[in-house]
Amino acid sequence: MLGGLGKLAAEGLAHRTEKATEGAVHAVEEVVKEVVEHATETGQKAIAEALQKAQESGAKVVKDVTEKVTNTVTDAVTHTVENLGKLGQ
């Protein structure tokens, strides 16, 4: 009879251990899920910020190039008009 009680106790302990392990696994799964969600969100924000900075940088480059081209063309036209004016005198 004592052997039967020992077997029942061992089965009960095994069952409780299994349930505790399942609970621990579930808790770890939840933590991992939260970490992955946070990392994904952080990564998405970083990508969005990088794209925004790239767009801003690109817009600045376009603005600078446009200003340089405009100034160069304006200077060339002004110089040409001045030279034509001198020729007409």
C-alpha atoms as a PDB file:
ATOM      1  CA  MET A   1       0.000   0.000   0.000  1.00  0.00           C
ATOM      2  CA  LEU A   2       2.827   2.359   0.792  1.00  0.00           C
ATOM      3  CA  GLY A   3       4.198   1.729  -2.687  1.00  0.00           C
ATOM      4  CA  GLY A   4       0.845   2.785  -4.169  1.00  0.00           C
ATOM      5  CA  LEU A   5       0.881   6.024  -2.162  1.00  0.00           C
ATOM      6  CA  GLY A   6       4.420   6.740  -3.308  1.00  0.00           C
ATOM      7  CA  LYS A   7       3.356   6.185  -6.897  1.00  0.00           C
ATOM      8  CA  LEU A   8       0.356   8.511  -6.465  1.00  0.00           C
ATOM      9  CA  ALA A   9       2.562  11.140  -4.827  1.00  0.00           C
ATOM     10  CA  ALA A  10       5.065  10.888  -7.651  1.00  0.00           C
ATOM     11  CA  GLU A  11       2.290  11.196 -10.250  1.00  0.00           C
ATOM     12  CA  GLY A  12       0.853  14.200  -8.397  1.00  0.00           C
ATOM     13  CA  LEU A  13       4.275  15.820  -8.244  1.00  0.00           C
ATOM     14  CA  ALA A  14       4.845  15.117 -11.924  1.00  0.00           C
ATOM     15  CA  HIS A  15       1.455  16.631 -12.767  1.00  0.00           C
ATOM     16  CA  ARG A  16       2.130  19.769 -10.703  1.00  0.00           C
ATOM     17  CA  THR A  17       5.606  20.057 -12.223  1.00  0.00           C
ATOM     18  CA  GLU A  18       4.123  19.763 -15.707  1.00  0.00           C
ATOM     19  CA  LYS A  19       1.525  22.445 -14.946  1.00  0.00           C
ATOM     20  CA  ALA A  20       4.156  24.737 -13.436  1.00  0.00           C
ATOM     21  CA  THR A  21       6.368  24.207 -16.477  1.00  0.00           C
ATOM     22  CA  GLU A  22       3.461  25.000 -18.804  1.00  0.00           C
ATOM     23  CA  GLY A  23       2.804  28.170 -16.818  1.00  0.00           C
ATOM     24  CA  ALA A  24       6.453  29.191 -16.998  1.00  0.00           C
ATOM     25  CA  VAL A  25       6.554  28.502 -20.736  1.00  0.00           C
ATOM     26  CA  HIS A  26       3.415  30.590 -21.237  1.00  0.00           C
ATOM     27  CA  ALA A  27       4.909  33.452 -19.205  1.00  0.00           C
ATOM     28  CA  VAL A  28       8.139  33.318 -21.246  1.00  0.00           C
ATOM     29  CA  GLU A  29       6.121  33.259 -24.484  1.00  0.00           C
ATOM     30  CA  GLU A  30       4.288  36.412 -23.390  1.00  0.00           C
ATOM     31  CA  VAL A  31       7.530  38.182 -22.511  1.00  0.00           C
ATOM     32  CA  VAL A  32       9.097  37.183 -25.836  1.00  0.00           C
ATOM     33  CA  LYS A  33       5.975  38.357 -27.667  1.00  0.00           C
ATOM     34  CA  GLU A  34       6.161  41.754 -25.949  1.00  0.00           C
ATOM     35  CA  VAL A  35       9.887  42.071 -26.659  1.00  0.00           C
ATOM     36  CA  VAL A  36       9.367  41.233 -30.337  1.00  0.00           C
ATOM     37  CA  GLU A  37       6.485  43.715 -30.601  1.00  0.00           C
ATOM     38  CA  HIS A  38       8.579  46.419 -28.953  1.00  0.00           C
ATOM     39  CA  ALA A  39      11.571  45.681 -31.193  1.00  0.00           C
ATOM     40  CA  THR A  40       9.357  45.730 -34.274  1.00  0.00           C
ATOM     41  CA  GLU A  41       7.813  49.038 -33.250  1.00  0.00           C
ATOM     42  CA  THR A  42      11.234  50.515 -32.488  1.00  0.00           C
ATOM     43  CA  GLY A  43      12.592  49.280 -35.815  1.00  0.00           C
ATOM     44  CA  GLN A  44       9.656  50.747 -37.705  1.00  0.00           C
ATOM     45  CA  LYS A  45      10.158  54.100 -35.981  1.00  0.00           C
ATOM     46  CA  ALA A  46      13.880  54.051 -36.771  1.00  0.00           C
ATOM     47  CA  ILE A  47      13.196  53.267 -40.428  1.00  0.00           C
ATOM     48  CA  ALA A  48      10.571  56.015 -40.638  1.00  0.00           C
ATOM     49  CA  GLU A  49      12.952  58.526 -39.067  1.00  0.00           C
ATOM     50  CA  ALA A  50      15.775  57.494 -41.408  1.00  0.00           C
ATOM     51  CA  LEU A  51      13.500  57.873 -44.428  1.00  0.00           C
ATOM     52  CA  GLN A  52      12.328  61.259 -43.218  1.00  0.00           C
ATOM     53  CA  LYS A  53      15.921  62.439 -42.739  1.00  0.00           C
ATOM     54  CA  ALA A  54      16.847  61.118 -46.181  1.00  0.00           C
ATOM     55  CA  GLN A  55      13.911  62.976 -47.719  1.00  0.00           C
ATOM     56  CA  GLU A  56      14.845  66.163 -45.888  1.00  0.00           C
ATOM     57  CA  SER A  57      18.464  65.775 -46.966  1.00  0.00           C
ATOM     58  CA  GLY A  58      17.393  65.118 -50.546  1.00  0.00           C
ATOM     59  CA  ALA A  59      15.117  68.162 -50.510  1.00  0.00           C
ATOM     60  CA  LYS A  60      17.987  70.288 -49.198  1.00  0.00           C
ATOM     61  CA  VAL A  61      20.308  69.027 -51.937  1.00  0.00           C
ATOM     62  CA  VAL A  62      17.687  69.769 -54.596  1.00  0.00           C
ATOM     63  CA  LYS A  63      17.168  73.247 -53.147  1.00  0.00           C
ATOM     64  CA  ASP A  64      20.921  73.945 -53.059  1.00  0.00           C
ATOM     65  CA  VAL A  65      21.456  72.697 -56.613  1.00  0.00           C
ATOM     66  CA  THR A  66      18.466  74.680 -57.856  1.00  0.00           C
ATOM     67  CA  GLU A  67      19.812  77.846 -56.226  1.00  0.00           C
ATOM     68  CA  LYS A  68      23.281  77.288 -57.710  1.00  0.00           C
ATOM     69  CA  VAL A  69      21.894  76.655 -61.186  1.00  0.00           C
ATOM     70  CA  THR A  70      19.611  79.684 -60.934  1.00  0.00           C
ATOM     71  CA  ASN A  71      22.471  81.903 -59.764  1.00  0.00           C
ATOM     72  CA  THR A  72      24.795  80.596 -62.470  1.00  0.00           C
ATOM     73  CA  VAL A  73      22.215  81.153 -65.211  1.00  0.00           C
ATOM     74  CA  THR A  74      21.324  84.592 -63.831  1.00  0.00           C
ATOM     75  CA  ASP A  75      25.002  85.575 -63.708  1.00  0.00           C
ATOM     76  CA  ALA A  76      25.574  84.310 -67.255  1.00  0.00           C
ATOM     77  CA  VAL A  77      22.554  86.191 -68.600  1.00  0.00           C
ATOM     78  CA  THR A  78      23.543  89.365 -66.731  1.00  0.00           C
ATOM     79  CA  HIS A  79      27.110  89.129 -68.025  1.00  0.00           C
ATOM     80  CA  THR A  80      25.885  88.546 -71.585  1.00  0.00           C
ATOM     81  CA  VAL A  81      23.487  91.497 -71.412  1.00  0.00           C
ATOM     82  CA  GLU A  82      26.239  93.747 -70.064  1.00  0.00           C
ATOM     83  CA  ASN A  83      28.598  92.682 -72.855  1.00  0.00           C
ATOM     84  CA  LEU A  84      25.898  93.201 -75.476  1.00  0.00           C
ATOM     85  CA  GLY A  85      25.259  96.654 -74.004  1.00  0.00           C
ATOM     86  CA  LYS A  86      28.937  97.499 -74.321  1.00  0.00           C
ATOM     87  CA  LEU A  87      28.937  96.319 -77.923  1.00  0.00           C
ATOM     88  CA  GLY A  88      25.989  98.607 -78.674  1.00  0.00           C
ATOM     89  CA  GLN A  89      27.766 101.703 -77.398  1.00  0.00           C
END
